[in-house]
Amino acid sequence: MKLKTFVLSFIFLASVAAGAARAQSSVTGSITGRIVTANGTGVRRASVTVMNLTTFETQTRIANDFGYFRFNDLPIINLYVVTVGSKRHSFNFASQLVQFTDLEHNLLFIAEE
Protein backbone atom coordinates (compact mmCIF):
# COMPACT_ATOMS: atom_id res chain seq x y z
CA MET A 1 0.00 0.00 0.00
CA LYS A 2 2.87 2.38 0.82
CA LEU A 3 4.44 1.75 -2.59
CA LYS A 4 1.16 2.53 -4.35
CA THR A 5 0.80 5.78 -2.38
CA PHE A 6 4.42 6.69 -3.17
CA VAL A 7 3.94 6.03 -6.90
CA LEU A 8 0.70 8.02 -7.04
CA SER A 9 2.34 10.89 -5.13
CA PHE A 10 5.32 10.84 -7.49
CA ILE A 11 3.06 10.90 -10.57
CA PHE A 12 1.04 13.77 -9.11
CA LEU A 13 4.13 15.84 -8.26
CA ALA A 14 5.69 15.13 -11.66
CA SER A 15 2.55 16.30 -13.46
CA VAL A 16 2.39 19.48 -11.33
CA ALA A 17 6.07 20.21 -12.09
CA ALA A 18 5.53 19.60 -15.82
CA GLY A 19 2.54 21.96 -15.82
CA ALA A 20 4.56 24.63 -14.04
CA ALA A 21 7.40 24.26 -16.55
CA ARG A 22 4.97 24.59 -19.47
CA ALA A 23 3.40 27.67 -17.89
CA GLN A 24 6.82 29.25 -17.31
CA SER A 25 8.01 28.52 -20.85
CA SER A 26 4.93 30.23 -22.29
CA VAL A 27 5.99 33.54 -20.72
CA THR A 28 7.59 35.71 -23.36
CA GLY A 29 9.62 38.88 -23.33
CA SER A 30 11.16 41.43 -25.66
CA ILE A 31 14.67 42.42 -26.58
CA THR A 32 14.88 46.05 -27.59
CA GLY A 33 17.74 48.38 -28.17
CA ARG A 34 19.54 51.03 -30.09
CA ILE A 35 22.60 51.18 -32.29
CA VAL A 36 24.50 54.47 -32.14
CA THR A 37 27.77 56.07 -33.18
CA ALA A 38 30.21 57.28 -30.52
CA ASN A 39 28.59 60.73 -30.63
CA GLY A 40 25.11 59.28 -30.04
CA THR A 41 23.67 59.44 -33.56
CA GLY A 42 21.47 56.47 -34.45
CA VAL A 43 22.89 54.01 -36.98
CA ARG A 44 20.15 53.47 -39.53
CA ARG A 45 19.58 50.28 -41.48
CA ALA A 46 21.92 48.18 -39.30
CA SER A 47 21.10 44.48 -39.27
CA VAL A 48 20.33 42.93 -35.88
CA THR A 49 20.08 39.17 -35.40
CA VAL A 50 18.93 37.31 -32.31
CA MET A 51 19.77 33.61 -31.90
CA ASN A 52 18.02 31.40 -29.37
CA LEU A 53 20.83 29.27 -27.92
CA THR A 54 18.37 26.53 -26.92
CA THR A 55 16.76 26.00 -30.34
CA PHE A 56 19.35 27.76 -32.58
CA GLU A 57 16.48 29.63 -34.27
CA THR A 58 17.37 33.10 -35.52
CA GLN A 59 15.42 36.24 -36.30
CA THR A 60 16.71 39.37 -38.02
CA ARG A 61 15.49 42.95 -37.90
CA ILE A 62 16.69 46.12 -39.60
CA ALA A 63 17.18 49.11 -37.30
CA ASN A 64 14.97 52.10 -38.06
CA ASP A 65 16.25 55.55 -39.09
CA PHE A 66 17.12 56.34 -35.45
CA GLY A 67 18.91 53.04 -34.77
CA TYR A 68 16.14 51.36 -32.76
CA PHE A 69 15.19 47.67 -33.02
CA ARG A 70 12.81 45.28 -31.25
CA PHE A 71 12.23 41.52 -31.00
CA ASN A 72 8.96 40.39 -29.39
CA ASP A 73 7.54 37.10 -28.09
CA LEU A 74 10.83 35.49 -27.05
CA PRO A 75 10.51 32.73 -24.40
CA ILE A 76 12.24 34.17 -21.34
CA ILE A 77 13.60 30.84 -20.12
CA ASN A 78 16.07 30.69 -23.03
CA LEU A 79 19.45 32.32 -23.52
CA TYR A 80 20.04 34.55 -26.56
CA VAL A 81 22.92 36.07 -28.52
CA VAL A 82 22.18 39.38 -30.21
CA THR A 83 24.54 40.45 -33.00
CA VAL A 84 24.67 43.70 -34.96
CA GLY A 85 26.19 44.43 -38.35
CA SER A 86 26.42 47.44 -40.62
CA LYS A 87 27.92 48.17 -44.03
CA ARG A 88 29.19 51.58 -42.89
CA HIS A 89 30.16 50.91 -39.27
CA SER A 90 32.14 48.36 -37.29
CA PHE A 91 31.73 47.41 -33.64
CA ASN A 92 34.23 46.34 -30.97
CA PHE A 93 31.42 44.44 -29.26
CA ALA A 94 29.11 43.32 -32.05
CA SER A 95 27.47 40.55 -29.99
CA GLN A 96 25.81 40.55 -26.59
CA LEU A 97 24.51 37.66 -24.51
CA VAL A 98 20.99 38.05 -23.11
CA GLN A 99 19.47 36.18 -20.21
CA PHE A 100 16.12 37.63 -19.20
CA THR A 101 15.82 39.04 -15.68
CA ASP A 102 12.67 40.96 -16.60
CA LEU A 103 10.12 40.80 -19.42
CA GLU A 104 12.06 43.37 -21.47
CA HIS A 105 15.80 43.51 -22.01
CA ASN A 106 17.31 46.71 -23.44
CA LEU A 107 20.64 46.71 -25.31
CA LEU A 108 22.98 49.40 -26.60
CA PHE A 109 25.50 48.86 -29.40
CA ILE A 110 28.06 51.60 -30.04
CA ALA A 111 29.85 51.82 -33.40
CA GLU A 112 33.57 52.55 -33.59
CA GLU A 113 34.79 55.91 -34.84
C-alpha atoms as a PDB file:
ATOM      1  CA  MET A   1       0.000   0.000   0.000  1.00  0.00           C
ATOM      2  CA  LYS A   2       2.875   2.380   0.822  1.00  0.00           C
ATOM      3  CA  LEU A   3       4.444   1.751  -2.586  1.00  0.00           C
ATOM      4  CA  LYS A   4       1.157   2.531  -4.346  1.00  0.00           C
ATOM      5  CA  THR A   5       0.803   5.784  -2.375  1.00  0.00           C
ATOM      6  CA  PHE A   6       4.415   6.693  -3.174  1.00  0.00           C
ATOM      7  CA  VAL A   7       3.942   6.028  -6.905  1.00  0.00           C
ATOM      8  CA  LEU A   8       0.705   8.020  -7.035  1.00  0.00           C
ATOM      9  CA  SER A   9       2.338  10.894  -5.127  1.00  0.00           C
ATOM     10  CA  PHE A  10       5.316  10.837  -7.493  1.00  0.00           C
ATOM     11  CA  ILE A  11       3.056  10.900 -10.566  1.00  0.00           C
ATOM     12  CA  PHE A  12       1.041  13.768  -9.114  1.00  0.00           C
ATOM     13  CA  LEU A  13       4.133  15.839  -8.259  1.00  0.00           C
ATOM     14  CA  ALA A  14       5.688  15.133 -11.661  1.00  0.00           C
ATOM     15  CA  SER A  15       2.548  16.304 -13.457  1.00  0.00           C
ATOM     16  CA  VAL A  16       2.390  19.477 -11.335  1.00  0.00           C
ATOM     17  CA  ALA A  17       6.065  20.210 -12.092  1.00  0.00           C
ATOM     18  CA  ALA A  18       5.530  19.604 -15.818  1.00  0.00           C
ATOM     19  CA  GLY A  19       2.541  21.955 -15.818  1.00  0.00           C
ATOM     20  CA  ALA A  20       4.561  24.630 -14.037  1.00  0.00           C
ATOM     21  CA  ALA A  21       7.404  24.258 -16.552  1.00  0.00           C
ATOM     22  CA  ARG A  22       4.968  24.593 -19.467  1.00  0.00           C
ATOM     23  CA  ALA A  23       3.403  27.673 -17.886  1.00  0.00           C
ATOM     24  CA  GLN A  24       6.815  29.245 -17.312  1.00  0.00           C
ATOM     25  CA  SER A  25       8.006  28.515 -20.853  1.00  0.00           C
ATOM     26  CA  SER A  26       4.929  30.227 -22.287  1.00  0.00           C
ATOM     27  CA  VAL A  27       5.991  33.540 -20.720  1.00  0.00           C
ATOM     28  CA  THR A  28       7.593  35.713 -23.360  1.00  0.00           C
ATOM     29  CA  GLY A  29       9.622  38.879 -23.332  1.00  0.00           C
ATOM     30  CA  SER A  30      11.158  41.429 -25.657  1.00  0.00           C
ATOM     31  CA  ILE A  31      14.675  42.419 -26.578  1.00  0.00           C
ATOM     32  CA  THR A  32      14.878  46.050 -27.586  1.00  0.00           C
ATOM     33  CA  GLY A  33      17.744  48.377 -28.167  1.00  0.00           C
ATOM     34  CA  ARG A  34      19.536  51.027 -30.089  1.00  0.00           C
ATOM     35  CA  ILE A  35      22.602  51.177 -32.286  1.00  0.00           C
ATOM     36  CA  VAL A  36      24.497  54.469 -32.138  1.00  0.00           C
ATOM     37  CA  THR A  37      27.767  56.068 -33.181  1.00  0.00           C
ATOM     38  CA  ALA A  38      30.212  57.276 -30.522  1.00  0.00           C
ATOM     39  CA  ASN A  39      28.587  60.735 -30.628  1.00  0.00           C
ATOM     40  CA  GLY A  40      25.108  59.280 -30.042  1.00  0.00           C
ATOM     41  CA  THR A  41      23.667  59.443 -33.560  1.00  0.00           C
ATOM     42  CA  GLY A  42      21.475  56.472 -34.447  1.00  0.00           C
ATOM     43  CA  VAL A  43      22.886  54.011 -36.979  1.00  0.00           C
ATOM     44  CA  ARG A  44      20.152  53.470 -39.534  1.00  0.00           C
ATOM     45  CA  ARG A  45      19.578  50.285 -41.483  1.00  0.00           C
ATOM     46  CA  ALA A  46      21.917  48.179 -39.303  1.00  0.00           C
ATOM     47  CA  SER A  47      21.105  44.483 -39.273  1.00  0.00           C
ATOM     48  CA  VAL A  48      20.332  42.935 -35.875  1.00  0.00           C
ATOM     49  CA  THR A  49      20.076  39.165 -35.405  1.00  0.00           C
ATOM     50  CA  VAL A  50      18.935  37.308 -32.312  1.00  0.00           C
ATOM     51  CA  MET A  51      19.775  33.608 -31.904  1.00  0.00           C
ATOM     52  CA  ASN A  52      18.021  31.401 -29.371  1.00  0.00           C
ATOM     53  CA  LEU A  53      20.831  29.267 -27.916  1.00  0.00           C
ATOM     54  CA  THR A  54      18.370  26.535 -26.922  1.00  0.00           C
ATOM     55  CA  THR A  55      16.762  25.999 -30.336  1.00  0.00           C
ATOM     56  CA  PHE A  56      19.345  27.761 -32.580  1.00  0.00           C
ATOM     57  CA  GLU A  57      16.482  29.630 -34.273  1.00  0.00           C
ATOM     58  CA  THR A  58      17.374  33.104 -35.520  1.00  0.00           C
ATOM     59  CA  GLN A  59      15.418  36.245 -36.299  1.00  0.00           C
ATOM     60  CA  THR A  60      16.709  39.369 -38.024  1.00  0.00           C
ATOM     61  CA  ARG A  61      15.493  42.949 -37.903  1.00  0.00           C
ATOM     62  CA  ILE A  62      16.693  46.124 -39.602  1.00  0.00           C
ATOM     63  CA  ALA A  63      17.178  49.112 -37.298  1.00  0.00           C
ATOM     64  CA  ASN A  64      14.966  52.102 -38.065  1.00  0.00           C
ATOM     65  CA  ASP A  65      16.248  55.548 -39.090  1.00  0.00           C
ATOM     66  CA  PHE A  66      17.118  56.343 -35.454  1.00  0.00           C
ATOM     67  CA  GLY A  67      18.909  53.042 -34.773  1.00  0.00           C
ATOM     68  CA  TYR A  68      16.139  51.359 -32.758  1.00  0.00           C
ATOM     69  CA  PHE A  69      15.190  47.673 -33.018  1.00  0.00           C
ATOM     70  CA  ARG A  70      12.808  45.277 -31.247  1.00  0.00           C
ATOM     71  CA  PHE A  71      12.226  41.516 -30.999  1.00  0.00           C
ATOM     72  CA  ASN A  72       8.963  40.389 -29.392  1.00  0.00           C
ATOM     73  CA  ASP A  73       7.541  37.098 -28.089  1.00  0.00           C
ATOM     74  CA  LEU A  74      10.831  35.490 -27.046  1.00  0.00           C
ATOM     75  CA  PRO A  75      10.509  32.731 -24.401  1.00  0.00           C
ATOM     76  CA  ILE A  76      12.236  34.175 -21.335  1.00  0.00           C
ATOM     77  CA  ILE A  77      13.604  30.835 -20.120  1.00  0.00           C
ATOM     78  CA  ASN A  78      16.068  30.691 -23.027  1.00  0.00           C
ATOM     79  CA  LEU A  79      19.450  32.319 -23.519  1.00  0.00           C
ATOM     80  CA  TYR A  80      20.042  34.550 -26.557  1.00  0.00           C
ATOM     81  CA  VAL A  81      22.924  36.074 -28.518  1.00  0.00           C
ATOM     82  CA  VAL A  82      22.178  39.385 -30.212  1.00  0.00           C
ATOM     83  CA  THR A  83      24.545  40.451 -33.003  1.00  0.00           C
ATOM     84  CA  VAL A  84      24.671  43.705 -34.956  1.00  0.00           C
ATOM     85  CA  GLY A  85      26.193  44.425 -38.347  1.00  0.00           C
ATOM     86  CA  SER A  86      26.422  47.439 -40.619  1.00  0.00           C
ATOM     87  CA  LYS A  87      27.924  48.168 -44.029  1.00  0.00           C
ATOM     88  CA  ARG A  88      29.186  51.583 -42.893  1.00  0.00           C
ATOM     89  CA  HIS A  89      30.160  50.911 -39.266  1.00  0.00           C
ATOM     90  CA  SER A  90      32.136  48.362 -37.290  1.00  0.00           C
ATOM     91  CA  PHE A  91      31.725  47.409 -33.639  1.00  0.00           C
ATOM     92  CA  ASN A  92      34.228  46.342 -30.969  1.00  0.00           C
ATOM     93  CA  PHE A  93      31.420  44.445 -29.256  1.00  0.00           C
ATOM     94  CA  ALA A  94      29.108  43.320 -32.053  1.00  0.00           C
ATOM     95  CA  SER A  95      27.466  40.546 -29.988  1.00  0.00           C
ATOM     96  CA  GLN A  96      25.812  40.547 -26.588  1.00  0.00           C
ATOM     97  CA  LEU A  97      24.513  37.662 -24.510  1.00  0.00           C
ATOM     98  CA  VAL A  98      20.989  38.054 -23.112  1.00  0.00           C
ATOM     99  CA  GLN A  99      19.468  36.183 -20.206  1.00  0.00           C
ATOM    100  CA  PHE A 100      16.121  37.634 -19.197  1.00  0.00           C
ATOM    101  CA  THR A 101      15.825  39.042 -15.682  1.00  0.00           C
ATOM    102  CA  ASP A 102      12.669  40.962 -16.596  1.00  0.00           C
ATOM    103  CA  LEU A 103      10.125  40.805 -19.418  1.00  0.00           C
ATOM    104  CA  GLU A 104      12.056  43.369 -21.470  1.00  0.00           C
ATOM    105  CA  HIS A 105      15.796  43.512 -22.011  1.00  0.00           C
ATOM    106  CA  ASN A 106      17.305  46.705 -23.436  1.00  0.00           C
ATOM    107  CA  LEU A 107      20.642  46.713 -25.307  1.00  0.00           C
ATOM    108  CA  LEU A 108      22.976  49.396 -26.596  1.00  0.00           C
ATOM    109  CA  PHE A 109      25.496  48.858 -29.399  1.00  0.00           C
ATOM    110  CA  ILE A 110      28.064  51.599 -30.037  1.00  0.00           C
ATOM    111  CA  ALA A 111      29.855  51.821 -33.396  1.00  0.00           C
ATOM    112  CA  GLU A 112      33.572  52.549 -33.585  1.00  0.00           C
ATOM    113  CA  GLU A 113      34.793  55.908 -34.836  1.00  0.00           C
END
